[in-house]
PDB file of N, CA and C in Angstrom:
ATOM      1  N   GLN A   1      17.142   9.378   8.963  1.00  0.00           N
ATOM      2  CA  GLN A   1      16.869   8.154   8.984  1.00  0.00           C
ATOM      3  C   GLN A   1      15.714   8.000   8.213  1.00  0.00           C
ATOM      4  N   VAL A   2      15.716   6.885   7.374  1.00  0.00           N
ATOM      5  CA  VAL A   2      14.389   6.554   6.455  1.00  0.00           C
ATOM      6  C   VAL A   2      13.304   5.858   7.560  1.00  0.00           C
ATOM      7  N   GLN A   3      12.144   6.620   7.149  1.00  0.00           N
ATOM      8  CA  GLN A   3      10.938   5.549   7.768  1.00  0.00           C
ATOM      9  C   GLN A   3       9.736   5.598   6.569  1.00  0.00           C
ATOM     10  N   LEU A   4       9.107   4.771   6.806  1.00  0.00           N
ATOM     11  CA  LEU A   4       7.904   4.316   5.829  1.00  0.00           C
ATOM     12  C   LEU A   4       6.890   4.033   6.972  1.00  0.00           C
ATOM     13  N   VAL A   5       5.794   4.861   7.330  1.00  0.00           N
ATOM     14  CA  VAL A   5       4.681   4.702   8.300  1.00  0.00           C
ATOM     15  C   VAL A   5       3.513   4.254   8.061  1.00  0.00           C
ATOM     16  N   GLU A   6       3.002   3.127   7.666  1.00  0.00           N
ATOM     17  CA  GLU A   6       1.624   2.903   7.453  1.00  0.00           C
ATOM     18  C   GLU A   6       0.341   3.177   8.451  1.00  0.00           C
ATOM     19  N   SER A   7      -0.598   3.696   8.113  1.00  0.00           N
ATOM     20  CA  SER A   7      -1.841   4.035   8.893  1.00  0.00           C
ATOM     21  C   SER A   7      -2.907   3.945   8.132  1.00  0.00           C
ATOM     22  N   GLY A   8      -4.069   3.286   8.956  1.00  0.00           N
ATOM     23  CA  GLY A   8      -5.222   3.156   8.559  1.00  0.00           C
ATOM     24  C   GLY A   8      -5.787   2.197   8.251  1.00  0.00           C
ATOM     25  N   GLY A   9      -5.381   0.964   8.923  1.00  0.00           N
ATOM     26  CA  GLY A   9      -5.675  -0.348   8.787  1.00  0.00           C
ATOM     27  C   GLY A   9      -6.584  -0.604   9.836  1.00  0.00           C
ATOM     28  N   GLY A  10      -7.486  -1.614   9.788  1.00  0.00           N
ATOM     29  CA  GLY A  10      -8.339  -1.968  10.849  1.00  0.00           C
ATOM     30  C   GLY A  10      -9.079  -2.962  10.456  1.00  0.00           C
ATOM     31  N   LEU A  11     -10.465  -2.807  11.176  1.00  0.00           N
ATOM     32  CA  LEU A  11     -11.220  -3.992  11.389  1.00  0.00           C
ATOM     33  C   LEU A  11     -12.489  -3.573  10.254  1.00  0.00           C
ATOM     34  N   VAL A  12     -13.222  -4.292   9.307  1.00  0.00           N
ATOM     35  CA  VAL A  12     -13.753  -3.641   8.233  1.00  0.00           C
ATOM     36  C   VAL A  12     -15.007  -4.924   7.930  1.00  0.00           C
ATOM     37  N   GLN A  13     -16.130  -4.295   7.822  1.00  0.00           N
ATOM     38  CA  GLN A  13     -17.056  -5.794   7.300  1.00  0.00           C
ATOM     39  C   GLN A  13     -16.883  -5.862   5.934  1.00  0.00           C
ATOM     40  N   PRO A  14     -17.284  -7.091   5.271  1.00  0.00           N
ATOM     41  CA  PRO A  14     -17.112  -7.392   3.580  1.00  0.00           C
ATOM     42  C   PRO A  14     -17.784  -6.724   2.901  1.00  0.00           C
ATOM     43  N   GLY A  15     -17.576  -5.675   1.674  1.00  0.00           N
ATOM     44  CA  GLY A  15     -18.147  -4.946   0.974  1.00  0.00           C
ATOM     45  C   GLY A  15     -17.872  -3.529   1.618  1.00  0.00           C
ATOM     46  N   GLY A  16     -17.009  -3.488   2.878  1.00  0.00           N
ATOM     47  CA  GLY A  16     -16.385  -2.105   3.104  1.00  0.00           C
ATOM     48  C   GLY A  16     -15.396  -1.514   2.627  1.00  0.00           C
ATOM     49  N   SER A  17     -14.785  -0.427   3.122  1.00  0.00           N
ATOM     50  CA  SER A  17     -13.699   0.311   2.350  1.00  0.00           C
ATOM     51  C   SER A  17     -12.824   0.792   3.480  1.00  0.00           C
ATOM     52  N   LEU A  18     -11.420   0.687   3.339  1.00  0.00           N
ATOM     53  CA  LEU A  18     -10.434   1.362   4.023  1.00  0.00           C
ATOM     54  C   LEU A  18      -9.457   2.190   2.783  1.00  0.00           C
ATOM     55  N   ARG A  19      -8.990   3.502   3.563  1.00  0.00           N
ATOM     56  CA  ARG A  19      -7.821   4.183   2.830  1.00  0.00           C
ATOM     57  C   ARG A  19      -6.472   3.967   3.679  1.00  0.00           C
ATOM     58  N   LEU A  20      -5.368   3.230   3.456  1.00  0.00           N
ATOM     59  CA  LEU A  20      -4.120   3.233   3.683  1.00  0.00           C
ATOM     60  C   LEU A  20      -3.389   4.359   3.460  1.00  0.00           C
ATOM     61  N   SER A  21      -2.504   5.000   4.488  1.00  0.00           N
ATOM     62  CA  SER A  21      -1.607   5.867   4.181  1.00  0.00           C
ATOM     63  C   SER A  21      -0.101   5.153   4.602  1.00  0.00           C
ATOM     64  N   CYS A  22       0.869   5.706   3.914  1.00  0.00           N
ATOM     65  CA  CYS A  22       2.122   5.479   4.121  1.00  0.00           C
ATOM     66  C   CYS A  22       2.965   7.096   4.118  1.00  0.00           C
ATOM     67  N   ALA A  23       3.101   7.417   5.281  1.00  0.00           N
ATOM     68  CA  ALA A  23       3.864   8.622   5.403  1.00  0.00           C
ATOM     69  C   ALA A  23       5.535   8.163   5.306  1.00  0.00           C
ATOM     70  N   ALA A  24       6.371   8.805   4.134  1.00  0.00           N
ATOM     71  CA  ALA A  24       7.388   8.715   4.068  1.00  0.00           C
ATOM     72  C   ALA A  24       8.493   9.719   4.725  1.00  0.00           C
ATOM     73  N   SER A  25       9.582   9.644   5.399  1.00  0.00           N
ATOM     74  CA  SER A  25      10.323  10.531   5.193  1.00  0.00           C
ATOM     75  C   SER A  25      12.042  10.063   5.628  1.00  0.00           C
ATOM     76  N   GLY A  26      12.877  11.104   5.372  1.00  0.00           N
ATOM     77  CA  GLY A  26      14.299  10.528   5.447  1.00  0.00           C
ATOM     78  C   GLY A  26      15.087  10.450   4.096  1.00  0.00           C
ATOM     79  N   PHE A  27      14.204  10.610   2.999  1.00  0.00           N
ATOM     80  CA  PHE A  27      14.538  10.272   1.451  1.00  0.00           C
ATOM     81  C   PHE A  27      13.885  11.083   0.535  1.00  0.00           C
ATOM     82  N   THR A  28      14.178  11.362  -0.494  1.00  0.00           N
ATOM     83  CA  THR A  28      13.732  12.124  -1.517  1.00  0.00           C
ATOM     84  C   THR A  28      12.676  11.167  -2.134  1.00  0.00           C
ATOM     85  N   PHE A  29      11.229  11.356  -1.533  1.00  0.00           N
ATOM     86  CA  PHE A  29      10.004  10.418  -1.520  1.00  0.00           C
ATOM     87  C   PHE A  29       9.709  10.436  -3.345  1.00  0.00           C
ATOM     88  N   SER A  30       9.847  12.092  -3.885  1.00  0.00           N
ATOM     89  CA  SER A  30       9.322  11.876  -4.955  1.00  0.00           C
ATOM     90  C   SER A  30      10.270  11.503  -6.129  1.00  0.00           C
ATOM     91  N   MET A  31      11.322  10.883  -5.714  1.00  0.00           N
ATOM     92  CA  MET A  31      12.259  10.124  -7.044  1.00  0.00           C
ATOM     93  C   MET A  31      12.046   8.493  -6.752  1.00  0.00           C
ATOM     94  N   PHE A  32      11.197   8.297  -5.746  1.00  0.00           N
ATOM     95  CA  PHE A  32      11.336   6.581  -5.779  1.00  0.00           C
ATOM     96  C   PHE A  32       9.922   6.197  -5.836  1.00  0.00           C
ATOM     97  N   ALA A  33       9.779   5.073  -6.897  1.00  0.00           N
ATOM     98  CA  ALA A  33       8.670   4.278  -7.243  1.00  0.00           C
ATOM     99  C   ALA A  33       7.984   3.658  -5.939  1.00  0.00           C
ATOM    100  N   MET A  34       6.974   3.773  -5.671  1.00  0.00           N
ATOM    101  CA  MET A  34       6.363   3.200  -4.632  1.00  0.00           C
ATOM    102  C   MET A  34       5.115   1.813  -4.827  1.00  0.00           C
ATOM    103  N   SER A  35       5.269   0.962  -3.652  1.00  0.00           N
ATOM    104  CA  SER A  35       4.272   0.059  -4.011  1.00  0.00           C
ATOM    105  C   SER A  35       3.534  -0.399  -2.929  1.00  0.00           C
ATOM    106  N   TRP A  36       2.380  -1.063  -2.996  1.00  0.00           N
ATOM    107  CA  TRP A  36       1.886  -1.559  -1.524  1.00  0.00           C
ATOM    108  C   TRP A  36       1.945  -3.103  -1.917  1.00  0.00           C
ATOM    109  N   TYR A  37       2.162  -3.833  -0.608  1.00  0.00           N
ATOM    110  CA  TYR A  37       2.210  -5.135  -1.013  1.00  0.00           C
ATOM    111  C   TYR A  37       1.442  -6.043   0.223  1.00  0.00           C
ATOM    112  N   ARG A  38       1.252  -6.697   0.300  1.00  0.00           N
ATOM    113  CA  ARG A  38       0.201  -7.350   1.346  1.00  0.00           C
ATOM    114  C   ARG A  38       0.628  -8.947   1.813  1.00  0.00           C
ATOM    115  N   GLN A  39       0.820  -9.328   3.116  1.00  0.00           N
ATOM    116  CA  GLN A  39       1.094 -10.753   3.388  1.00  0.00           C
ATOM    117  C   GLN A  39      -0.048 -11.026   4.283  1.00  0.00           C
ATOM    118  N   ALA A  40      -0.931 -12.207   3.768  1.00  0.00           N
ATOM    119  CA  ALA A  40      -1.917 -13.000   4.921  1.00  0.00           C
ATOM    120  C   ALA A  40      -1.016 -14.032   5.646  1.00  0.00           C
ATOM    121  N   LEU A  41      -1.900 -14.379   6.556  1.00  0.00           N
ATOM    122  CA  LEU A  41      -1.056 -15.359   7.690  1.00  0.00           C
ATOM    123  C   LEU A  41      -0.861 -16.639   6.801  1.00  0.00           C
ATOM    124  N   GLY A  42       0.346 -17.014   6.832  1.00  0.00           N
ATOM    125  CA  GLY A  42       0.817 -18.376   6.301  1.00  0.00           C
ATOM    126  C   GLY A  42       0.864 -18.480   4.992  1.00  0.00           C
ATOM    127  N   LYS A  43       1.087 -17.109   4.361  1.00  0.00           N
ATOM    128  CA  LYS A  43       1.275 -16.854   2.830  1.00  0.00           C
ATOM    129  C   LYS A  43       2.246 -16.076   2.430  1.00  0.00           C
ATOM    130  N   GLU A  44       2.968 -16.055   1.299  1.00  0.00           N
ATOM    131  CA  GLU A  44       3.751 -15.395   0.977  1.00  0.00           C
ATOM    132  C   GLU A  44       3.388 -13.913   0.751  1.00  0.00           C
ATOM    133  N   ARG A  45       4.238 -12.996   1.062  1.00  0.00           N
ATOM    134  CA  ARG A  45       4.322 -11.579   0.658  1.00  0.00           C
ATOM    135  C   ARG A  45       3.664 -11.234  -0.873  1.00  0.00           C
ATOM    136  N   GLU A  46       2.868 -10.383  -1.293  1.00  0.00           N
ATOM    137  CA  GLU A  46       2.541 -10.363  -2.547  1.00  0.00           C
ATOM    138  C   GLU A  46       2.257  -9.109  -2.950  1.00  0.00           C
ATOM    139  N   LEU A  47       2.513  -8.688  -4.433  1.00  0.00           N
ATOM    140  CA  LEU A  47       2.497  -7.118  -4.683  1.00  0.00           C
ATOM    141  C   LEU A  47       0.928  -6.772  -4.856  1.00  0.00           C
ATOM    142  N   VAL A  48       0.451  -5.656  -4.407  1.00  0.00           N
ATOM    143  CA  VAL A  48      -1.178  -5.216  -4.643  1.00  0.00           C
ATOM    144  C   VAL A  48      -1.076  -4.134  -5.859  1.00  0.00           C
ATOM    145  N   ALA A  49      -0.135  -3.099  -5.674  1.00  0.00           N
ATOM    146  CA  ALA A  49      -0.261  -2.151  -6.528  1.00  0.00           C
ATOM    147  C   ALA A  49       1.088  -1.138  -6.681  1.00  0.00           C
ATOM    148  N   SER A  50       1.433  -0.856  -7.791  1.00  0.00           N
ATOM    149  CA  SER A  50       2.819   0.130  -7.952  1.00  0.00           C
ATOM    150  C   SER A  50       2.316   1.217  -8.400  1.00  0.00           C
ATOM    151  N   ILE A  51       3.155   2.366  -8.149  1.00  0.00           N
ATOM    152  CA  ILE A  51       2.897   3.589  -8.817  1.00  0.00           C
ATOM    153  C   ILE A  51       4.120   4.469  -9.142  1.00  0.00           C
ATOM    154  N   SER A  52       4.234   5.007 -10.128  1.00  0.00           N
ATOM    155  CA  SER A  52       5.630   5.710 -10.636  1.00  0.00           C
ATOM    156  C   SER A  52       5.981   6.935  -9.513  1.00  0.00           C
ATOM    157  N   SER A  53       7.382   7.148  -9.770  1.00  0.00           N
ATOM    158  CA  SER A  53       7.804   8.507  -8.904  1.00  0.00           C
ATOM    159  C   SER A  53       6.950   9.376  -9.260  1.00  0.00           C
ATOM    160  N   GLY A  54       6.510   9.880 -10.471  1.00  0.00           N
ATOM    161  CA  GLY A  54       5.693  11.171 -10.580  1.00  0.00           C
ATOM    162  C   GLY A  54       4.284  10.826 -10.408  1.00  0.00           C
ATOM    163  N   GLY A  55       3.543   9.345 -10.120  1.00  0.00           N
ATOM    164  CA  GLY A  55       2.505   9.108 -10.305  1.00  0.00           C
ATOM    165  C   GLY A  55       1.586   8.942 -11.532  1.00  0.00           C
ATOM    166  N   GLY A  56       2.216   9.039 -12.653  1.00  0.00           N
ATOM    167  CA  GLY A  56       1.213   8.997 -13.870  1.00  0.00           C
ATOM    168  C   GLY A  56       1.213   7.575 -14.371  1.00  0.00           C
ATOM    169  N   GLY A  57       2.012   6.615 -13.679  1.00  0.00           N
ATOM    170  CA  GLY A  57       2.045   4.968 -14.155  1.00  0.00           C
ATOM    171  C   GLY A  57       1.577   4.428 -12.819  1.00  0.00           C
ATOM    172  N   THR A  58       0.480   3.600 -13.084  1.00  0.00           N
ATOM    173  CA  THR A  58       0.089   2.573 -12.107  1.00  0.00           C
ATOM    174  C   THR A  58       0.018   1.035 -12.333  1.00  0.00           C
ATOM    175  N   THR A  59      -0.021   0.494 -11.451  1.00  0.00           N
ATOM    176  CA  THR A  59      -0.158  -1.384 -12.018  1.00  0.00           C
ATOM    177  C   THR A  59      -0.930  -1.602 -11.016  1.00  0.00           C
ATOM    178  N   TYR A  60      -1.576  -2.964 -11.231  1.00  0.00           N
ATOM    179  CA  TYR A  60      -2.501  -3.645  -9.992  1.00  0.00           C
ATOM    180  C   TYR A  60      -2.260  -4.693 -10.234  1.00  0.00           C
ATOM    181  N   ALA A  61      -2.592  -5.734  -9.275  1.00  0.00           N
ATOM    182  CA  ALA A  61      -2.617  -7.042  -9.164  1.00  0.00           C
ATOM    183  C   ALA A  61      -3.690  -7.404  -9.835  1.00  0.00           C
ATOM    184  N   ASP A  62      -4.202  -8.702 -10.611  1.00  0.00           N
ATOM    185  CA  ASP A  62      -5.369  -8.726 -10.987  1.00  0.00           C
ATOM    186  C   ASP A  62      -6.797  -9.060 -10.077  1.00  0.00           C
ATOM    187  N   SER A  63      -6.297  -9.449  -8.988  1.00  0.00           N
ATOM    188  CA  SER A  63      -7.189  -9.429  -8.238  1.00  0.00           C
ATOM    189  C   SER A  63      -7.976  -8.240  -7.322  1.00  0.00           C
ATOM    190  N   MET A  64      -6.684  -7.203  -7.569  1.00  0.00           N
ATOM    191  CA  MET A  64      -7.224  -5.814  -6.822  1.00  0.00           C
ATOM    192  C   MET A  64      -7.796  -4.865  -7.946  1.00  0.00           C
ATOM    193  N   LYS A  65      -7.514  -5.251  -9.304  1.00  0.00           N
ATOM    194  CA  LYS A  65      -8.337  -4.043 -10.313  1.00  0.00           C
ATOM    195  C   LYS A  65      -9.594  -4.073 -10.072  1.00  0.00           C
ATOM    196  N   GLY A  66     -10.007  -2.655 -10.289  1.00  0.00           N
ATOM    197  CA  GLY A  66     -11.375  -1.993  -9.931  1.00  0.00           C
ATOM    198  C   GLY A  66     -11.649  -1.970  -8.802  1.00  0.00           C
ATOM    199  N   ARG A  67     -11.031  -2.905  -7.852  1.00  0.00           N
ATOM    200  CA  ARG A  67     -11.415  -2.456  -6.089  1.00  0.00           C
ATOM    201  C   ARG A  67     -10.274  -1.542  -5.520  1.00  0.00           C
ATOM    202  N   PHE A  68      -9.406  -1.477  -5.734  1.00  0.00           N
ATOM    203  CA  PHE A  68      -8.164  -1.012  -5.097  1.00  0.00           C
ATOM    204  C   PHE A  68      -7.613   0.306  -6.158  1.00  0.00           C
ATOM    205  N   THR A  69      -7.278   1.580  -5.533  1.00  0.00           N
ATOM    206  CA  THR A  69      -6.507   2.490  -6.335  1.00  0.00           C
ATOM    207  C   THR A  69      -5.391   2.730  -5.532  1.00  0.00           C
ATOM    208  N   ILE A  70      -4.290   2.930  -6.167  1.00  0.00           N
ATOM    209  CA  ILE A  70      -3.104   3.501  -5.514  1.00  0.00           C
ATOM    210  C   ILE A  70      -3.087   5.102  -6.034  1.00  0.00           C
ATOM    211  N   SER A  71      -2.228   5.552  -5.233  1.00  0.00           N
ATOM    212  CA  SER A  71      -1.926   7.444  -5.520  1.00  0.00           C
ATOM    213  C   SER A  71      -1.160   7.790  -4.655  1.00  0.00           C
ATOM    214  N   ARG A  72      -0.317   9.000  -4.893  1.00  0.00           N
ATOM    215  CA  ARG A  72       0.547   9.199  -3.971  1.00  0.00           C
ATOM    216  C   ARG A  72       0.623  10.872  -3.975  1.00  0.00           C
ATOM    217  N   ASP A  73       1.097  11.552  -3.226  1.00  0.00           N
ATOM    218  CA  ASP A  73       1.083  12.923  -3.002  1.00  0.00           C
ATOM    219  C   ASP A  73       2.423  13.373  -2.864  1.00  0.00           C
ATOM    220  N   ASN A  74       3.280  13.911  -3.523  1.00  0.00           N
ATOM    221  CA  ASN A  74       4.543  14.062  -3.425  1.00  0.00           C
ATOM    222  C   ASN A  74       5.077  15.128  -2.588  1.00  0.00           C
ATOM    223  N   ALA A  75       3.942  16.253  -2.737  1.00  0.00           N
ATOM    224  CA  ALA A  75       4.313  17.369  -1.686  1.00  0.00           C
ATOM    225  C   ALA A  75       3.853  16.999  -0.526  1.00  0.00           C
ATOM    226  N   LYS A  76       3.304  15.876   0.058  1.00  0.00           N
ATOM    227  CA  LYS A  76       2.981  15.436   1.251  1.00  0.00           C
ATOM    228  C   LYS A  76       3.806  14.250   1.406  1.00  0.00           C
ATOM    229  N   ASN A  77       4.364  13.693   0.845  1.00  0.00           N
ATOM    230  CA  ASN A  77       5.237  12.684   0.796  1.00  0.00           C
ATOM    231  C   ASN A  77       4.667  11.624   1.266  1.00  0.00           C
ATOM    232  N   THR A  78       3.659  11.227   0.825  1.00  0.00           N
ATOM    233  CA  THR A  78       2.468  10.341   1.227  1.00  0.00           C
ATOM    234  C   THR A  78       2.145   9.476   0.152  1.00  0.00           C
ATOM    235  N   LEU A  79       1.962   8.194   0.256  1.00  0.00           N
ATOM    236  CA  LEU A  79       1.426   7.052  -0.629  1.00  0.00           C
ATOM    237  C   LEU A  79      -0.126   6.833   0.165  1.00  0.00           C
ATOM    238  N   TYR A  80      -0.945   6.319  -0.819  1.00  0.00           N
ATOM    239  CA  TYR A  80      -2.038   5.862  -0.399  1.00  0.00           C
ATOM    240  C   TYR A  80      -2.458   4.494  -1.062  1.00  0.00           C
ATOM    241  N   LEU A  81      -3.771   4.152  -0.735  1.00  0.00           N
ATOM    242  CA  LEU A  81      -4.225   3.041  -0.985  1.00  0.00           C
ATOM    243  C   LEU A  81      -5.586   2.801  -0.605  1.00  0.00           C
ATOM    244  N   GLN A  82      -6.592   3.214  -1.629  1.00  0.00           N
ATOM    245  CA  GLN A  82      -8.059   3.235  -1.225  1.00  0.00           C
ATOM    246  C   GLN A  82      -8.233   1.822  -1.794  1.00  0.00           C
ATOM    247  N   MET A  83      -9.152   1.324  -0.692  1.00  0.00           N
ATOM    248  CA  MET A  83      -9.594  -0.253  -0.807  1.00  0.00           C
ATOM    249  C   MET A  83     -11.068  -0.120  -0.661  1.00  0.00           C
ATOM    250  N   ASN A  84     -11.846  -0.812  -1.798  1.00  0.00           N
ATOM    251  CA  ASN A  84     -13.020  -0.727  -1.838  1.00  0.00           C
ATOM    252  C   ASN A  84     -13.878  -2.215  -1.944  1.00  0.00           C
ATOM    253  N   SER A  85     -14.773  -2.383  -1.757  1.00  0.00           N
ATOM    254  CA  SER A  85     -15.686  -3.792  -2.110  1.00  0.00           C
ATOM    255  C   SER A  85     -14.552  -4.888  -1.545  1.00  0.00           C
ATOM    256  N   LEU A  86     -14.241  -4.622  -0.291  1.00  0.00           N
ATOM    257  CA  LEU A  86     -13.393  -5.375   0.323  1.00  0.00           C
ATOM    258  C   LEU A  86     -13.839  -7.109   0.833  1.00  0.00           C
ATOM    259  N   LYS A  87     -13.198  -7.896   0.699  1.00  0.00           N
ATOM    260  CA  LYS A  87     -13.647  -9.472   0.915  1.00  0.00           C
ATOM    261  C   LYS A  87     -12.486  -9.893   1.830  1.00  0.00           C
ATOM    262  N   PRO A  88     -13.143 -11.037   2.423  1.00  0.00           N
ATOM    263  CA  PRO A  88     -12.412 -11.538   3.704  1.00  0.00           C
ATOM    264  C   PRO A  88     -11.034 -12.133   3.153  1.00  0.00           C
ATOM    265  N   GLU A  89     -10.772 -12.201   1.951  1.00  0.00           N
ATOM    266  CA  GLU A  89      -9.691 -12.866   1.215  1.00  0.00           C
ATOM    267  C   GLU A  89      -8.680 -11.795   1.341  1.00  0.00           C
ATOM    268  N   ASP A  90      -8.912 -10.327   1.768  1.00  0.00           N
ATOM    269  CA  ASP A  90      -8.070  -8.910   1.628  1.00  0.00           C
ATOM    270  C   ASP A  90      -7.536  -9.242   2.919  1.00  0.00           C
ATOM    271  N   THR A  91      -7.875  -9.898   3.979  1.00  0.00           N
ATOM    272  CA  THR A  91      -7.294  -9.820   5.222  1.00  0.00           C
ATOM    273  C   THR A  91      -5.958 -10.138   5.158  1.00  0.00           C
ATOM    274  N   ALA A  92      -5.347  -9.087   5.725  1.00  0.00           N
ATOM    275  CA  ALA A  92      -3.597  -9.367   5.398  1.00  0.00           C
ATOM    276  C   ALA A  92      -2.774  -8.182   6.341  1.00  0.00           C
ATOM    277  N   VAL A  93      -1.518  -8.348   6.671  1.00  0.00           N
ATOM    278  CA  VAL A  93      -0.751  -6.883   6.838  1.00  0.00           C
ATOM    279  C   VAL A  93      -0.345  -6.243   5.289  1.00  0.00           C
ATOM    280  N   TYR A  94      -0.640  -5.264   5.469  1.00  0.00           N
ATOM    281  CA  TYR A  94      -0.313  -4.064   4.040  1.00  0.00           C
ATOM    282  C   TYR A  94       0.964  -3.411   4.618  1.00  0.00           C
ATOM    283  N   TYR A  95       1.831  -3.595   3.393  1.00  0.00           N
ATOM    284  CA  TYR A  95       3.010  -3.012   3.353  1.00  0.00           C
ATOM    285  C   TYR A  95       3.235  -2.059   2.512  1.00  0.00           C
ATOM    286  N   CYS A  96       4.134  -1.064   2.755  1.00  0.00           N
ATOM    287  CA  CYS A  96       4.554  -0.048   1.596  1.00  0.00           C
ATOM    288  C   CYS A  96       6.041  -0.102   1.434  1.00  0.00           C
ATOM    289  N   LYS A  97       6.438  -0.018   0.160  1.00  0.00           N
ATOM    290  CA  LYS A  97       7.665  -0.321  -0.115  1.00  0.00           C
ATOM    291  C   LYS A  97       8.059   1.001  -1.178  1.00  0.00           C
ATOM    292  N   ALA A  98       9.216   1.594  -0.836  1.00  0.00           N
ATOM    293  CA  ALA A  98      10.002   2.665  -1.814  1.00  0.00           C
ATOM    294  C   ALA A  98      11.237   1.937  -2.624  1.00  0.00           C
ATOM    295  N   VAL A  99      11.232   2.136  -3.721  1.00  0.00           N
ATOM    296  CA  VAL A  99      12.078   1.766  -4.825  1.00  0.00           C
ATOM    297  C   VAL A  99      12.702   2.505  -5.645  1.00  0.00           C
ATOM    298  N   ARG A 100      14.199   2.694  -5.826  1.00  0.00           N
ATOM    299  CA  ARG A 100      14.684   3.455  -6.915  1.00  0.00           C
ATOM    300  C   ARG A 100      16.005   2.756  -6.896  1.00  0.00           C
ATOM    301  N   ARG A 101      16.309   2.338  -8.320  1.00  0.00           N
ATOM    302  CA  ARG A 101      17.362   1.337  -8.597  1.00  0.00           C
ATOM    303  C   ARG A 101      17.495  -0.038  -7.876  1.00  0.00           C
ATOM    304  N   SER A 102      18.625   0.028  -6.994  1.00  0.00           N
ATOM    305  CA  SER A 102      19.055  -1.069  -5.999  1.00  0.00           C
ATOM    306  C   SER A 102      18.645  -0.687  -4.711  1.00  0.00           C
ATOM    307  N   THR A 103      17.834   0.621  -4.204  1.00  0.00           N
ATOM    308  CA  THR A 103      17.555   1.124  -2.955  1.00  0.00           C
ATOM    309  C   THR A 103      16.105   0.755  -2.983  1.00  0.00           C
ATOM    310  N   ASN A 104      16.063   0.060  -1.590  1.00  0.00           N
ATOM    311  CA  ASN A 104      14.454  -0.309  -1.483  1.00  0.00           C
ATOM    312  C   ASN A 104      14.472  -0.522   0.166  1.00  0.00           C
ATOM    313  N   TYR A 105      13.296   0.204   0.391  1.00  0.00           N
ATOM    314  CA  TYR A 105      12.988   0.551   1.812  1.00  0.00           C
ATOM    315  C   TYR A 105      11.460  -0.129   1.998  1.00  0.00           C
ATOM    316  N   TRP A 106      11.091  -0.408   3.585  1.00  0.00           N
ATOM    317  CA  TRP A 106       9.953  -1.177   3.323  1.00  0.00           C
ATOM    318  C   TRP A 106       9.461  -0.366   5.013  1.00  0.00           C
ATOM    319  N   GLY A 107       7.986  -0.303   4.746  1.00  0.00           N
ATOM    320  CA  GLY A 107       7.406   0.013   6.223  1.00  0.00           C
ATOM    321  C   GLY A 107       7.223  -0.997   7.204  1.00  0.00           C
ATOM    322  N   GLN A 108       6.663  -0.881   8.222  1.00  0.00           N
ATOM    323  CA  GLN A 108       6.505  -2.074   9.251  1.00  0.00           C
ATOM    324  C   GLN A 108       5.214  -2.656   9.085  1.00  0.00           C
ATOM    325  N   GLY A 109       4.293  -2.375   8.128  1.00  0.00           N
ATOM    326  CA  GLY A 109       3.056  -2.809   7.927  1.00  0.00           C
ATOM    327  C   GLY A 109       1.920  -2.448   8.977  1.00  0.00           C
ATOM    328  N   THR A 110       0.802  -2.625   8.393  1.00  0.00           N
ATOM    329  CA  THR A 110      -0.533  -2.269   9.011  1.00  0.00           C
ATOM    330  C   THR A 110      -1.615  -3.443   8.641  1.00  0.00           C
ATOM    331  N   GLN A 111      -2.249  -3.604   9.808  1.00  0.00           N
ATOM    332  CA  GLN A 111      -3.054  -4.977   9.675  1.00  0.00           C
ATOM    333  C   GLN A 111      -4.229  -4.226   9.064  1.00  0.00           C
ATOM    334  N   VAL A 112      -4.884  -5.267   8.146  1.00  0.00           N
ATOM    335  CA  VAL A 112      -6.375  -4.947   7.862  1.00  0.00           C
ATOM    336  C   VAL A 112      -7.214  -6.208   7.865  1.00  0.00           C
ATOM    337  N   THR A 113      -8.113  -6.410   8.419  1.00  0.00           N
ATOM    338  CA  THR A 113      -9.228  -7.497   8.626  1.00  0.00           C
ATOM    339  C   THR A 113     -10.333  -7.266   8.247  1.00  0.00           C
ATOM    340  N   VAL A 114     -10.967  -8.158   7.486  1.00  0.00           N
ATOM    341  CA  VAL A 114     -12.215  -8.273   6.539  1.00  0.00           C
ATOM    342  C   VAL A 114     -13.024  -9.207   7.324  1.00  0.00           C
ATOM    343  N   SER A 115     -13.918  -8.826   8.236  1.00  0.00           N
ATOM    344  CA  SER A 115     -14.934  -9.906   8.985  1.00  0.00           C
ATOM    345  C   SER A 115     -16.322  -9.435   9.475  1.00  0.00           C
ATOM    346  N   SER A 116     -17.314 -10.324   9.221  1.00  0.00           N
ATOM    347  CA  SER A 116     -18.251  -9.743   9.708  1.00  0.00           C
ATOM    348  C   SER A 116     -18.418 -10.236  11.266  1.00  0.00           C
TER     349      SER A 116
END
């Protein structure tokens, strides 16, 4: 049974930090590229960052560059997203996604709210 379980979301003040985790099971995590997406209320889901299966390649959406860092630990089957200098516009549900060729899996999401 494939599972992607996000955690680490919550309420944080502007300028604060959060670290999201995505625990994977039921598939060979190290063979899949991984991504973080987010979806704000009333908006389309957007790509935040991606990382290659081995972790050597990363890409970021322009608005996240320099503030967010995606990483993975293949020994722990876990994906991370370190988010710094958070802004109110970062408020969204954050999802992790696993992709390999035509196969993709999604997590259920974790809410991040940036507010004073």
